[in-house]
Amino acid sequence: MASIAELLRNYLDFPVNTTFTYTVTLEACPRIFPHQEFRLFLLIPAAISTLILAFSTRRTNKILHVLNGRPGLISPMDILKTSHRFSYAAAFGTLARLCSDIVFDSKYAFNYIGPTYLKVFIALVSMLIYGLGYFPLFAGITTASPLGYLVATLFSWVFTAEFFSNTFCKQQLDISYLVLIVGVLPEMLCFLYLSFSLPVRFVISLAKPKRKTKLAVDFESSEDLYESIRKSYQGIHVTKLIQRPPPPPSPPEGIKEKLTHLLTSISEKIFYKRTKGFRYSARMISVMAVGFILLYQVTFFLFIVFYQIFDYAEKGLSASLDIIGRQITTEEDPAVTNLRTGIYVSYYFIIAFRGCFFTSIMVAFAINAVFLLHYLTSYRENLLSLYKGDNKHLTPRTEKSNASLIVGSMRYAGYQVGYIGWGFFIQFLLLLIFSVAIATVVTLWGILDNFILEQIMRLWPVLLTSLVLNMVQLLLSKFLFLQENGEILAMDNRRLFFIFTYFMFFYNIFIGIFSCLMRIIKSIILGALFLPRLDHSTLPRKFQQMDPGFDAYCGFMHVESTHTNPVAMVFISILQAESLTSLKRKKSNNSDIIPLDEKQEMLDRKRRKAKWKWLLAYTLVNNPEISLQRRLVLAKERNENVKEIFFSHSILYSEEPTKVDMDQIIILEERL
């Protein structure tokens, strides 16, 4: 026992006793800003800053006569707008380490010693403390005022100082500062971006104060409100809808252009295809930033920790072989020979397992990183489709209540980050199992070769026969059992088809057994592969509402499309601009306004009325559905018979008379 303990001491260079237990002690980092004290003391300036920002904002509805409508309610983030999206993403990126500490290390805002069942309430209180501490940073960015930028700048500097002092503190580690910088690089870039961009915005807001005009679109700095609408993202989108689409690009000519076009198309399919002019919402960019930083930090942490573990294991096994000797000697104790053989097997296993581990973790990281880009593309395509009224990929709004859609929208961000973490972990485990199986076969090929070859010789006739029969069924169906070589779904040679189907029934039973196994394997692989992607449900179409992740994504997308539709935003902004312009005209001096003749004013009013009628008639003629809805609304106001109007309209606009569904008429009438 003592000799084996000596071997284990050399094996890992750890203190080992005869009970085969060892202890690894890592000296804690002497943090300049302790975690709990920093979060608790941060509540005081956070509360003061929040009150100051609240008094800089006016209320819009309640008790406006008290204190001139102050303080107002401030929000940390406008999740429906695209402005300041990179600042929000950087601010959420600074929270990535805090999120990982909460999930993996259970770090709370204060120590708790008590019953276990009360820990969940301690966690809720800690989340509230963390949220209040970061609230002024987000609220300052949202207010977009000099005071808001000043508060956000001060808090970003405090968080940056805390991050650098605690991350690069002096501790006994066998890694260089360069490796430490690489490990926190994304989070460090987020801190640096906020520390430099927010002061610049503060100076710009003092030098060029913006006029506050609350338009529905993303307001641009311009004296003309209508010009601001045209320059906004929504205005550009609506302009593209009205304009004639550009002609398709000409095909590439020459070998160089064709090769460039081929490589570009392949990269767009694998990674990301950009749509010019499209803007992602602030919440989507923030969620993707947090997800990527968490993936990066977890991958880097596992890589560094297990690299050292495998290095210790390899050195320990090598030292053990040096002690007992690498070669067999004469008159050697059989126990030593068996021990040497076991150490050699363990040595090769450690080397193989190390390669499998690092390969699996890097492949899992690459898959999830590419999936983040695919997720952005899917979000863009689904949102543009919803703008057009196409929701075939998502659960229709008619199948869900409005309250459930709002709940899904609130759940989406947290669910997405959690699913990214779980998806990465499960994909890593499956890849590790698969790679270890391959490495085991390769390492033990001298032992398992006869067994594997025997199984291959036994199964290859079945696989070849199944492949041939599947190809025969496909070819016969296309060229013998269908007319015009399968171009139309019209059967030919029916009697021969019936005979062939009868005999294939018995063989397809055996093929179905293997097909069922393949279906199970495919379900496991695709389920694990698409687990982090909430835009694809892992359940069948009829059971998608039982998928909480996909249900949250559907609610998020429906809320986004309803409240960010560019056409609706531009229309509302035009109405707001008209209202603001008329108010400005009324407040202007009467001396600057040229009085109009009453007859001329009446003539202009009639011209505007006639113009609107012509535009209304043109719209109704080209949109029969709008005409029907308008007639139903007018009939409901006049208490006329809605069913007769619906019946006459269906006959007028249909080629053949159709049977009127009275239930649908009643439902449509209730909706209107």
Foldseek 3Di string as FASTA:
>chain_A
DVVVQVLVCQQQVFDADPVGDTDDDFDDFPFPQDQLVNLVVLLVVLVVLVQVLQQVDADDDPPCVPPNRPRHDFDLDDQQAQPPLLLLLLLLLLCLVVVCCCVPVVDFNDDDDDDPVCVVVSRVVRVVSVCSSSRLLSRLVVVLALSSLVSNLVSLVVSLVSCVRRQPTDTDDPDDVVLSCQLCVLNNVSSVCSNPVSVVSSVCCVVDPADDDDALFDADRDPALVVRLCPTLLNVVVVCVPDDDDDDDDDDDDPVRNVVVVVVVVCCVQANDDDPSDGDGSLLSNLLSSLLSNLSNVLSVVVVVVVSVLVSNLSSLVVSCVVLDQDDDPPDDVVSVVVNVVSVVVNLLSVQLVVLLNVLSVVLSVLLNRVSNVLVVLLVVCLVCVLVVDNPLADDPVVDDLVLLVVLQVCQSVVLSVLSVVLSVVSSVVSSVVSSVVSVCVVCVVPCVVVVVVVCVVCVVVVVVVVVVVVVVVQCVQPPQAPPRNPDPDGDPVVVVVVVVVVVVVVVVVVVVVVVVVVVVVLVVVCSSCRSRLSDASDDPVCSCVGSSVSSVSSSSVVNSVSNNSVVSSVRSVVSSVVVVVVVVVPDDPVVDDDDDPVVVVVVVVVVVVVVVVVVVVVCVVPVVVVLLVVLVVCVVVVHDNVVSVQVSQVVPDPDRDDDDVVVSVVSSVVD
